[in-house]
Amino acid sequence: MRHGNRHLPKAVSTVLGLAAPALAAVLLTSTTPGLAAVTTAPPAQDEVSLHVPTFVAPPAPVVHRTAAKPVVKAAPKRTAAPVAHRTTTTAVRRTTTTSTRTTTTTTKTVSQTSQPWGVDDYPYRSQSDFYATDKWGFTERQCVSFAAWRLAQHGRAISNDDNWGSAYSWDDTARRLGFTVTSKAHVGAVAQWNANESGAYYSKGSATPNGHFTAGGYGHVGWVKQVYSDGSALVEQYNMGGDRSYSVMRVKAPRYLLIG
């Protein structure tokens, strides 16, 4: 005979799931017909809780709407009219002033206007022989002989054997022999002019140049005795005026030879 309640454990298991076999055994008690023995129910176990996650629909996304900005068109820039640069040409008038300058040449009258200071200690000052030569090979009582004597007097003797020649060639000879030729005056230097060359001249006692000295066709040389702040020099010399005599003058020579 089939007992209809035998299917209860299965039904319970079905309801509670396969995870509750012990609960089905409890339901089979001694009151169940047809069972020879009573099965002791296992100790009570904790209730099994099934936590089923509840589906929660996600919130609808919030759409942020950005208001469209009105498009503002930039106003066209105004371009300034080009500025015309005008060039003004101014005529410059040049005024040429012609001044009359006193020129001192190598004549006998010029030597009479020479500076009054200086000592004529030249050893050949009384020589009357126009062709006599000194110990350095130069014609006595000429500018070249006096300059050579002053150089020797200061320990810087030269010899005409080196072809110093006339005064106009002394600058070239000085360069050839390695001596300095400069436009700056130095005490002890030889002031030198080429043929017909001029230089500023200071008349007797003048502090500023008021004339020009012009050498003759053979040039001119002299000994620098003193140098002034404006660059001029006090020059000792012989035969400056063509009279074979001693004189002193304040001038600016074209060049100065640093010999020795």
C-alpha atoms as a PDB file:
ATOM      1  CA  MET A   1       0.000   0.000   0.000  1.00  0.00           C
ATOM      2  CA  ARG A   2       1.430   3.284  -0.914  1.00  0.00           C
ATOM      3  CA  HIS A   3       1.343   6.045   1.541  1.00  0.00           C
ATOM      4  CA  GLY A   4       0.588   9.329  -0.079  1.00  0.00           C
ATOM      5  CA  ASN A   5       2.566  11.284   2.459  1.00  0.00           C
ATOM      6  CA  ARG A   6       5.818   9.508   1.561  1.00  0.00           C
ATOM      7  CA  HIS A   7       6.298  12.060  -1.114  1.00  0.00           C
ATOM      8  CA  LEU A   8       6.372  14.819   1.457  1.00  0.00           C
ATOM      9  CA  PRO A   9      10.129  14.741   2.020  1.00  0.00           C
ATOM     10  CA  LYS A  10      10.677  15.110  -1.657  1.00  0.00           C
ATOM     11  CA  ALA A  11       8.232  17.943  -1.793  1.00  0.00           C
ATOM     12  CA  VAL A  12       9.882  19.643   1.107  1.00  0.00           C
ATOM     13  CA  SER A  13      13.270  19.110  -0.454  1.00  0.00           C
ATOM     14  CA  THR A  14      11.994  20.549  -3.607  1.00  0.00           C
ATOM     15  CA  VAL A  15      10.732  23.598  -1.820  1.00  0.00           C
ATOM     16  CA  LEU A  16      13.701  24.138   0.355  1.00  0.00           C
ATOM     17  CA  GLY A  17      16.118  22.901  -2.228  1.00  0.00           C
ATOM     18  CA  LEU A  18      18.672  20.213  -2.137  1.00  0.00           C
ATOM     19  CA  ALA A  19      20.439  22.041   0.643  1.00  0.00           C
ATOM     20  CA  ALA A  20      17.811  20.883   3.321  1.00  0.00           C
ATOM     21  CA  PRO A  21      17.902  16.989   3.493  1.00  0.00           C
ATOM     22  CA  ALA A  22      17.988  17.061   7.271  1.00  0.00           C
ATOM     23  CA  LEU A  23      14.702  18.879   7.461  1.00  0.00           C
ATOM     24  CA  ALA A  24      13.023  16.096   5.414  1.00  0.00           C
ATOM     25  CA  ALA A  25      14.233  13.534   7.880  1.00  0.00           C
ATOM     26  CA  VAL A  26      12.542  15.356  10.766  1.00  0.00           C
ATOM     27  CA  LEU A  27       9.232  15.155   8.999  1.00  0.00           C
ATOM     28  CA  LEU A  28       9.521  11.330   8.911  1.00  0.00           C
ATOM     29  CA  THR A  29       8.384  10.605  12.493  1.00  0.00           C
ATOM     30  CA  SER A  30       7.123   7.479  14.204  1.00  0.00           C
ATOM     31  CA  THR A  31       3.687   8.458  13.218  1.00  0.00           C
ATOM     32  CA  THR A  32       4.445   7.825   9.657  1.00  0.00           C
ATOM     33  CA  PRO A  33       2.847   4.496   8.738  1.00  0.00           C
ATOM     34  CA  GLY A  34       5.053   1.704   7.407  1.00  0.00           C
ATOM     35  CA  LEU A  35       8.321   2.814   8.946  1.00  0.00           C
ATOM     36  CA  ALA A  36       9.960   0.085  11.174  1.00  0.00           C
ATOM     37  CA  ALA A  37      12.192   2.480  13.055  1.00  0.00           C
ATOM     38  CA  VAL A  38      12.254   6.073  14.011  1.00  0.00           C
ATOM     39  CA  THR A  39      15.111   8.081  12.759  1.00  0.00           C
ATOM     40  CA  THR A  40      16.349  10.647  15.193  1.00  0.00           C
ATOM     41  CA  ALA A  41      16.334  14.096  13.745  1.00  0.00           C
ATOM     42  CA  PRO A  42      19.742  15.689  13.505  1.00  0.00           C
ATOM     43  CA  PRO A  43      20.436  18.646  15.718  1.00  0.00           C
ATOM     44  CA  ALA A  44      18.774  21.799  14.625  1.00  0.00           C
ATOM     45  CA  GLN A  45      20.843  23.860  12.320  1.00  0.00           C
ATOM     46  CA  ASP A  46      20.767  27.507  11.709  1.00  0.00           C
ATOM     47  CA  GLU A  47      18.217  28.664   9.269  1.00  0.00           C
ATOM     48  CA  VAL A  48      19.577  29.164   5.882  1.00  0.00           C
ATOM     49  CA  SER A  49      18.828  32.649   4.602  1.00  0.00           C
ATOM     50  CA  LEU A  50      18.857  33.263   0.931  1.00  0.00           C
ATOM     51  CA  HIS A  51      19.675  36.803   0.039  1.00  0.00           C
ATOM     52  CA  VAL A  52      18.418  37.535  -3.431  1.00  0.00           C
ATOM     53  CA  PRO A  53      19.692  40.808  -4.800  1.00  0.00           C
ATOM     54  CA  THR A  54      16.959  43.159  -5.673  1.00  0.00           C
ATOM     55  CA  PHE A  55      17.307  44.712  -9.077  1.00  0.00           C
ATOM     56  CA  VAL A  56      17.202  48.439  -8.819  1.00  0.00           C
ATOM     57  CA  ALA A  57      16.967  50.299 -12.051  1.00  0.00           C
ATOM     58  CA  PRO A  58      19.782  52.899 -12.390  1.00  0.00           C
ATOM     59  CA  PRO A  59      18.660  56.463 -12.367  1.00  0.00           C
ATOM     60  CA  ALA A  60      18.175  58.038 -15.704  1.00  0.00           C
ATOM     61  CA  PRO A  61      21.190  60.050 -16.778  1.00  0.00           C
ATOM     62  CA  VAL A  62      20.830  63.737 -16.374  1.00  0.00           C
ATOM     63  CA  VAL A  63      21.442  65.557 -19.591  1.00  0.00           C
ATOM     64  CA  HIS A  64      22.945  68.967 -19.107  1.00  0.00           C
ATOM     65  CA  ARG A  65      21.980  71.160 -21.901  1.00  0.00           C
ATOM     66  CA  THR A  66      24.281  74.008 -22.772  1.00  0.00           C
ATOM     67  CA  ALA A  67      22.613  77.001 -24.135  1.00  0.00           C
ATOM     68  CA  ALA A  68      23.999  77.871 -27.518  1.00  0.00           C
ATOM     69  CA  LYS A  69      26.028  81.069 -27.449  1.00  0.00           C
ATOM     70  CA  PRO A  70      25.131  83.601 -30.022  1.00  0.00           C
ATOM     71  CA  VAL A  71      27.821  84.036 -32.656  1.00  0.00           C
ATOM     72  CA  VAL A  72      29.029  87.606 -32.674  1.00  0.00           C
ATOM     73  CA  LYS A  73      30.826  88.626 -35.819  1.00  0.00           C
ATOM     74  CA  ALA A  74      33.802  90.895 -35.254  1.00  0.00           C
ATOM     75  CA  ALA A  75      33.507  94.245 -36.830  1.00  0.00           C
ATOM     76  CA  PRO A  76      35.980  94.720 -39.674  1.00  0.00           C
ATOM     77  CA  LYS A  77      39.121  96.574 -38.627  1.00  0.00           C
ATOM     78  CA  ARG A  78      39.733  99.893 -40.167  1.00  0.00           C
ATOM     79  CA  THR A  79      43.145 100.310 -41.727  1.00  0.00           C
ATOM     80  CA  ALA A  80      44.620 103.743 -41.344  1.00  0.00           C
ATOM     81  CA  ALA A  81      45.650 105.417 -44.491  1.00  0.00           C
ATOM     82  CA  PRO A  82      49.446 105.147 -45.090  1.00  0.00           C
ATOM     83  CA  VAL A  83      51.449 108.109 -43.903  1.00  0.00           C
ATOM     84  CA  ALA A  84      53.630 109.584 -46.576  1.00  0.00           C
ATOM     85  CA  HIS A  85      57.067 110.576 -45.291  1.00  0.00           C
ATOM     86  CA  ARG A  86      58.349 113.536 -47.129  1.00  0.00           C
ATOM     87  CA  THR A  87      62.061 114.166 -47.341  1.00  0.00           C
ATOM     88  CA  THR A  88      63.028 117.763 -47.267  1.00  0.00           C
ATOM     89  CA  THR A  89      66.303 118.698 -48.834  1.00  0.00           C
ATOM     90  CA  THR A  90      67.883 121.785 -47.422  1.00  0.00           C
ATOM     91  CA  ALA A  91      70.490 123.496 -49.462  1.00  0.00           C
ATOM     92  CA  VAL A  92      73.552 124.326 -47.417  1.00  0.00           C
ATOM     93  CA  ARG A  93      75.485 127.332 -48.397  1.00  0.00           C
ATOM     94  CA  ARG A  94      79.177 127.101 -47.829  1.00  0.00           C
ATOM     95  CA  THR A  95      81.122 130.227 -47.297  1.00  0.00           C
ATOM     96  CA  THR A  96      84.769 130.089 -48.212  1.00  0.00           C
ATOM     97  CA  THR A  97      86.910 132.506 -46.330  1.00  0.00           C
ATOM     98  CA  THR A  98      90.190 133.349 -47.915  1.00  0.00           C
ATOM     99  CA  SER A  99      92.789 134.528 -45.464  1.00  0.00           C
ATOM    100  CA  THR A 100      96.152 135.970 -46.215  1.00  0.00           C
ATOM    101  CA  ARG A 101      98.887 134.055 -44.444  1.00  0.00           C
ATOM    102  CA  THR A 102     102.350 135.308 -43.808  1.00  0.00           C
ATOM    103  CA  THR A 103     104.847 132.915 -45.336  1.00  0.00           C
ATOM    104  CA  THR A 104     108.392 132.849 -44.073  1.00  0.00           C
ATOM    105  CA  THR A 105     110.821 131.550 -46.651  1.00  0.00           C
ATOM    106  CA  THR A 106     114.451 130.658 -46.440  1.00  0.00           C
ATOM    107  CA  THR A 107     115.823 134.078 -47.211  1.00  0.00           C
ATOM    108  CA  LYS A 108     118.325 136.212 -45.372  1.00  0.00           C
ATOM    109  CA  THR A 109     115.601 138.531 -44.040  1.00  0.00           C
ATOM    110  CA  VAL A 110     113.848 135.632 -42.283  1.00  0.00           C
ATOM    111  CA  SER A 111     116.805 134.872 -40.042  1.00  0.00           C
ATOM    112  CA  GLN A 112     116.516 138.359 -38.633  1.00  0.00           C
ATOM    113  CA  THR A 113     113.052 137.431 -37.236  1.00  0.00           C
ATOM    114  CA  SER A 114     114.265 134.267 -35.488  1.00  0.00           C
ATOM    115  CA  GLN A 115     113.669 133.707 -31.797  1.00  0.00           C
ATOM    116  CA  PRO A 116     116.250 135.588 -29.659  1.00  0.00           C
ATOM    117  CA  TRP A 117     117.198 132.730 -27.333  1.00  0.00           C
ATOM    118  CA  GLY A 118     119.750 129.955 -27.753  1.00  0.00           C
ATOM    119  CA  VAL A 119     123.531 129.667 -27.573  1.00  0.00           C
ATOM    120  CA  ASP A 120     125.677 129.329 -30.653  1.00  0.00           C
ATOM    121  CA  ASP A 121     128.363 126.891 -29.472  1.00  0.00           C
ATOM    122  CA  TYR A 122     128.823 125.284 -32.897  1.00  0.00           C
ATOM    123  CA  PRO A 123     132.604 124.653 -33.315  1.00  0.00           C
ATOM    124  CA  TYR A 124     132.695 125.618 -37.022  1.00  0.00           C
ATOM    125  CA  ARG A 125     130.852 128.922 -36.748  1.00  0.00           C
ATOM    126  CA  SER A 126     133.947 130.875 -37.974  1.00  0.00           C
ATOM    127  CA  GLN A 127     134.688 128.652 -40.965  1.00  0.00           C
ATOM    128  CA  SER A 128     135.094 130.739 -44.125  1.00  0.00           C
ATOM    129  CA  ASP A 129     135.685 127.875 -46.533  1.00  0.00           C
ATOM    130  CA  PHE A 130     132.388 127.306 -48.214  1.00  0.00           C
ATOM    131  CA  TYR A 131     133.300 123.715 -49.222  1.00  0.00           C
ATOM    132  CA  ALA A 132     134.858 122.520 -45.962  1.00  0.00           C
ATOM    133  CA  THR A 133     133.363 119.392 -44.440  1.00  0.00           C
ATOM    134  CA  ASP A 134     133.121 118.389 -40.814  1.00  0.00           C
ATOM    135  CA  LYS A 135     134.239 115.117 -39.212  1.00  0.00           C
ATOM    136  CA  TRP A 136     130.899 113.447 -39.976  1.00  0.00           C
ATOM    137  CA  GLY A 137     131.096 114.159 -43.719  1.00  0.00           C
ATOM    138  CA  PHE A 138     128.741 117.181 -43.968  1.00  0.00           C
ATOM    139  CA  THR A 139     129.439 120.674 -45.306  1.00  0.00           C
ATOM    140  CA  GLU A 140     130.216 123.000 -42.448  1.00  0.00           C
ATOM    141  CA  ARG A 141     127.889 125.827 -41.444  1.00  0.00           C
ATOM    142  CA  GLN A 142     124.983 124.067 -43.117  1.00  0.00           C
ATOM    143  CA  CYS A 143     121.864 122.755 -41.331  1.00  0.00           C
ATOM    144  CA  VAL A 144     122.917 119.106 -41.791  1.00  0.00           C
ATOM    145  CA  SER A 145     126.366 119.733 -40.228  1.00  0.00           C
ATOM    146  CA  PHE A 146     124.860 121.515 -37.199  1.00  0.00           C
ATOM    147  CA  ALA A 147     122.283 118.665 -36.655  1.00  0.00           C
ATOM    148  CA  ALA A 148     125.017 116.028 -36.940  1.00  0.00           C
ATOM    149  CA  TRP A 149     127.148 117.916 -34.423  1.00  0.00           C
ATOM    150  CA  ARG A 150     124.269 118.181 -31.901  1.00  0.00           C
ATOM    151  CA  LEU A 151     123.573 114.434 -32.254  1.00  0.00           C
ATOM    152  CA  ALA A 152     127.250 113.616 -31.639  1.00  0.00           C
ATOM    153  CA  GLN A 153     127.282 116.011 -28.689  1.00  0.00           C
ATOM    154  CA  HIS A 154     124.516 113.887 -27.090  1.00  0.00           C
ATOM    155  CA  GLY A 155     126.197 110.563 -27.873  1.00  0.00           C
ATOM    156  CA  ARG A 156     124.208 109.746 -31.039  1.00  0.00           C
ATOM    157  CA  ALA A 157     126.683 110.400 -33.821  1.00  0.00           C
ATOM    158  CA  ILE A 158     125.810 109.662 -37.431  1.00  0.00           C
ATOM    159  CA  SER A 159     127.982 109.553 -40.562  1.00  0.00           C
ATOM    160  CA  ASN A 160     127.324 110.682 -44.082  1.00  0.00           C
ATOM    161  CA  ASP A 161     128.891 107.396 -45.122  1.00  0.00           C
ATOM    162  CA  ASP A 162     125.324 106.073 -44.632  1.00  0.00           C
ATOM    163  CA  ASN A 163     124.219 108.461 -47.418  1.00  0.00           C
ATOM    164  CA  TRP A 164     122.207 110.885 -45.361  1.00  0.00           C
ATOM    165  CA  GLY A 165     122.843 113.491 -48.058  1.00  0.00           C
ATOM    166  CA  SER A 166     120.856 116.714 -48.180  1.00  0.00           C
ATOM    167  CA  ALA A 167     118.181 117.537 -45.605  1.00  0.00           C
ATOM    168  CA  TYR A 168     115.261 116.479 -47.826  1.00  0.00           C
ATOM    169  CA  SER A 169     116.454 112.830 -47.794  1.00  0.00           C
ATOM    170  CA  TRP A 170     116.976 112.526 -44.024  1.00  0.00           C
ATOM    171  CA  ASP A 171     113.541 111.081 -43.300  1.00  0.00           C
ATOM    172  CA  ASP A 172     114.006 108.328 -45.887  1.00  0.00           C
ATOM    173  CA  THR A 173     117.492 107.523 -44.592  1.00  0.00           C
ATOM    174  CA  ALA A 174     116.243 107.430 -40.999  1.00  0.00           C
ATOM    175  CA  ARG A 175     113.550 104.903 -41.924  1.00  0.00           C
ATOM    176  CA  ARG A 176     116.032 102.829 -43.898  1.00  0.00           C
ATOM    177  CA  LEU A 177     118.353 102.654 -40.894  1.00  0.00           C
ATOM    178  CA  GLY A 178     115.515 101.693 -38.557  1.00  0.00           C
ATOM    179  CA  PHE A 179     114.983 104.991 -36.731  1.00  0.00           C
ATOM    180  CA  THR A 180     111.552 106.273 -35.766  1.00  0.00           C
ATOM    181  CA  VAL A 181     109.940 109.026 -37.840  1.00  0.00           C
ATOM    182  CA  THR A 182     106.965 110.667 -36.131  1.00  0.00           C
ATOM    183  CA  SER A 183     104.788 113.764 -36.285  1.00  0.00           C
ATOM    184  CA  LYS A 184     105.171 114.351 -32.534  1.00  0.00           C
ATOM    185  CA  ALA A 185     107.979 116.613 -31.337  1.00  0.00           C
ATOM    186  CA  HIS A 186     110.545 115.294 -28.836  1.00  0.00           C
ATOM    187  CA  VAL A 187     113.445 117.072 -27.180  1.00  0.00           C
ATOM    188  CA  GLY A 188     116.633 115.857 -28.857  1.00  0.00           C
ATOM    189  CA  ALA A 189     114.843 114.869 -32.077  1.00  0.00           C
ATOM    190  CA  VAL A 190     115.730 116.238 -35.506  1.00  0.00           C
ATOM    191  CA  ALA A 191     112.993 118.434 -37.011  1.00  0.00           C
ATOM    192  CA  GLN A 192     112.881 117.772 -40.756  1.00  0.00           C
ATOM    193  CA  TRP A 193     111.313 119.373 -43.856  1.00  0.00           C
ATOM    194  CA  ASN A 194     111.403 118.028 -47.391  1.00  0.00           C
ATOM    195  CA  ALA A 195     112.103 120.293 -50.365  1.00  0.00           C
ATOM    196  CA  ASN A 196     109.783 123.326 -50.399  1.00  0.00           C
ATOM    197  CA  GLU A 197     107.739 121.888 -47.534  1.00  0.00           C
ATOM    198  CA  SER A 198     106.012 124.231 -45.062  1.00  0.00           C
ATOM    199  CA  GLY A 199     105.148 124.256 -41.371  1.00  0.00           C
ATOM    200  CA  ALA A 200     103.413 126.576 -38.896  1.00  0.00           C
ATOM    201  CA  TYR A 201     105.676 129.408 -37.708  1.00  0.00           C
ATOM    202  CA  TYR A 202     105.516 131.483 -34.523  1.00  0.00           C
ATOM    203  CA  SER A 203     106.989 134.947 -34.910  1.00  0.00           C
ATOM    204  CA  LYS A 204     109.105 136.486 -32.157  1.00  0.00           C
ATOM    205  CA  GLY A 205     107.380 136.006 -28.791  1.00  0.00           C
ATOM    206  CA  SER A 206     104.046 134.805 -30.233  1.00  0.00           C
ATOM    207  CA  ALA A 207     102.128 132.087 -28.365  1.00  0.00           C
ATOM    208  CA  THR A 208     100.092 131.144 -31.438  1.00  0.00           C
ATOM    209  CA  PRO A 209     101.187 130.429 -35.007  1.00  0.00           C
ATOM    210  CA  ASN A 210     100.957 133.495 -37.216  1.00  0.00           C
ATOM    211  CA  GLY A 211     102.936 132.464 -40.257  1.00  0.00           C
ATOM    212  CA  HIS A 212     104.563 129.610 -42.128  1.00  0.00           C
ATOM    213  CA  PHE A 213     108.132 128.512 -42.562  1.00  0.00           C
ATOM    214  CA  THR A 214     108.952 127.061 -45.991  1.00  0.00           C
ATOM    215  CA  ALA A 215     112.133 125.116 -46.649  1.00  0.00           C
ATOM    216  CA  GLY A 216     114.261 125.612 -49.736  1.00  0.00           C
ATOM    217  CA  GLY A 217     114.997 123.170 -52.521  1.00  0.00           C
ATOM    218  CA  TYR A 218     117.358 121.082 -50.350  1.00  0.00           C
ATOM    219  CA  GLY A 219     114.944 120.745 -47.441  1.00  0.00           C
ATOM    220  CA  HIS A 220     115.866 121.668 -43.883  1.00  0.00           C
ATOM    221  CA  VAL A 221     116.779 120.051 -40.537  1.00  0.00           C
ATOM    222  CA  GLY A 222     117.224 121.422 -37.027  1.00  0.00           C
ATOM    223  CA  TRP A 223     117.687 120.284 -33.428  1.00  0.00           C
ATOM    224  CA  VAL A 224     114.653 120.268 -31.079  1.00  0.00           C
ATOM    225  CA  LYS A 225     115.656 122.204 -27.955  1.00  0.00           C
ATOM    226  CA  GLN A 226     112.209 122.529 -26.299  1.00  0.00           C
ATOM    227  CA  VAL A 227     108.636 121.249 -26.799  1.00  0.00           C
ATOM    228  CA  TYR A 228     105.525 123.338 -26.039  1.00  0.00           C
ATOM    229  CA  SER A 229     102.112 122.175 -24.852  1.00  0.00           C
ATOM    230  CA  ASP A 230     100.490 122.804 -28.243  1.00  0.00           C
ATOM    231  CA  GLY A 231     102.970 120.454 -29.960  1.00  0.00           C
ATOM    232  CA  SER A 232     105.196 123.121 -31.409  1.00  0.00           C
ATOM    233  CA  ALA A 233     108.968 123.008 -30.878  1.00  0.00           C
ATOM    234  CA  LEU A 234     111.841 125.390 -30.312  1.00  0.00           C
ATOM    235  CA  VAL A 235     114.369 124.438 -32.994  1.00  0.00           C
ATOM    236  CA  GLU A 236     118.069 125.354 -33.151  1.00  0.00           C
ATOM    237  CA  GLN A 237     119.588 125.452 -36.621  1.00  0.00           C
ATOM    238  CA  TYR A 238     122.180 126.767 -39.028  1.00  0.00           C
ATOM    239  CA  ASN A 239     121.708 128.431 -42.399  1.00  0.00           C
ATOM    240  CA  MET A 240     117.928 128.739 -42.021  1.00  0.00           C
ATOM    241  CA  GLY A 241     117.958 132.053 -43.917  1.00  0.00           C
ATOM    242  CA  GLY A 242     120.746 131.139 -46.335  1.00  0.00           C
ATOM    243  CA  ASP A 243     123.379 133.193 -44.465  1.00  0.00           C
ATOM    244  CA  ARG A 244     125.170 130.184 -42.857  1.00  0.00           C
ATOM    245  CA  SER A 245     124.424 131.535 -39.377  1.00  0.00           C
ATOM    246  CA  TYR A 246     122.903 130.235 -36.154  1.00  0.00           C
ATOM    247  CA  SER A 247     119.238 130.893 -35.312  1.00  0.00           C
ATOM    248  CA  VAL A 248     116.353 129.609 -33.227  1.00  0.00           C
ATOM    249  CA  MET A 249     112.666 129.485 -34.180  1.00  0.00           C
ATOM    250  CA  ARG A 250     109.412 128.126 -32.799  1.00  0.00           C
ATOM    251  CA  VAL A 251     107.676 125.993 -35.410  1.00  0.00           C
ATOM    252  CA  LYS A 252     105.663 122.860 -36.082  1.00  0.00           C
ATOM    253  CA  ALA A 253     107.773 120.691 -38.329  1.00  0.00           C
ATOM    254  CA  PRO A 254     106.136 118.177 -40.690  1.00  0.00           C
ATOM    255  CA  ARG A 255     108.037 115.353 -38.967  1.00  0.00           C
ATOM    256  CA  TYR A 256     110.636 114.528 -36.309  1.00  0.00           C
ATOM    257  CA  LEU A 257     113.409 111.945 -36.533  1.00  0.00           C
ATOM    258  CA  LEU A 258     114.221 110.028 -33.358  1.00  0.00           C
ATOM    259  CA  ILE A 259     117.835 109.107 -34.056  1.00  0.00           C
ATOM    260  CA  GLY A 260     119.895 107.017 -31.691  1.00  0.00           C
END
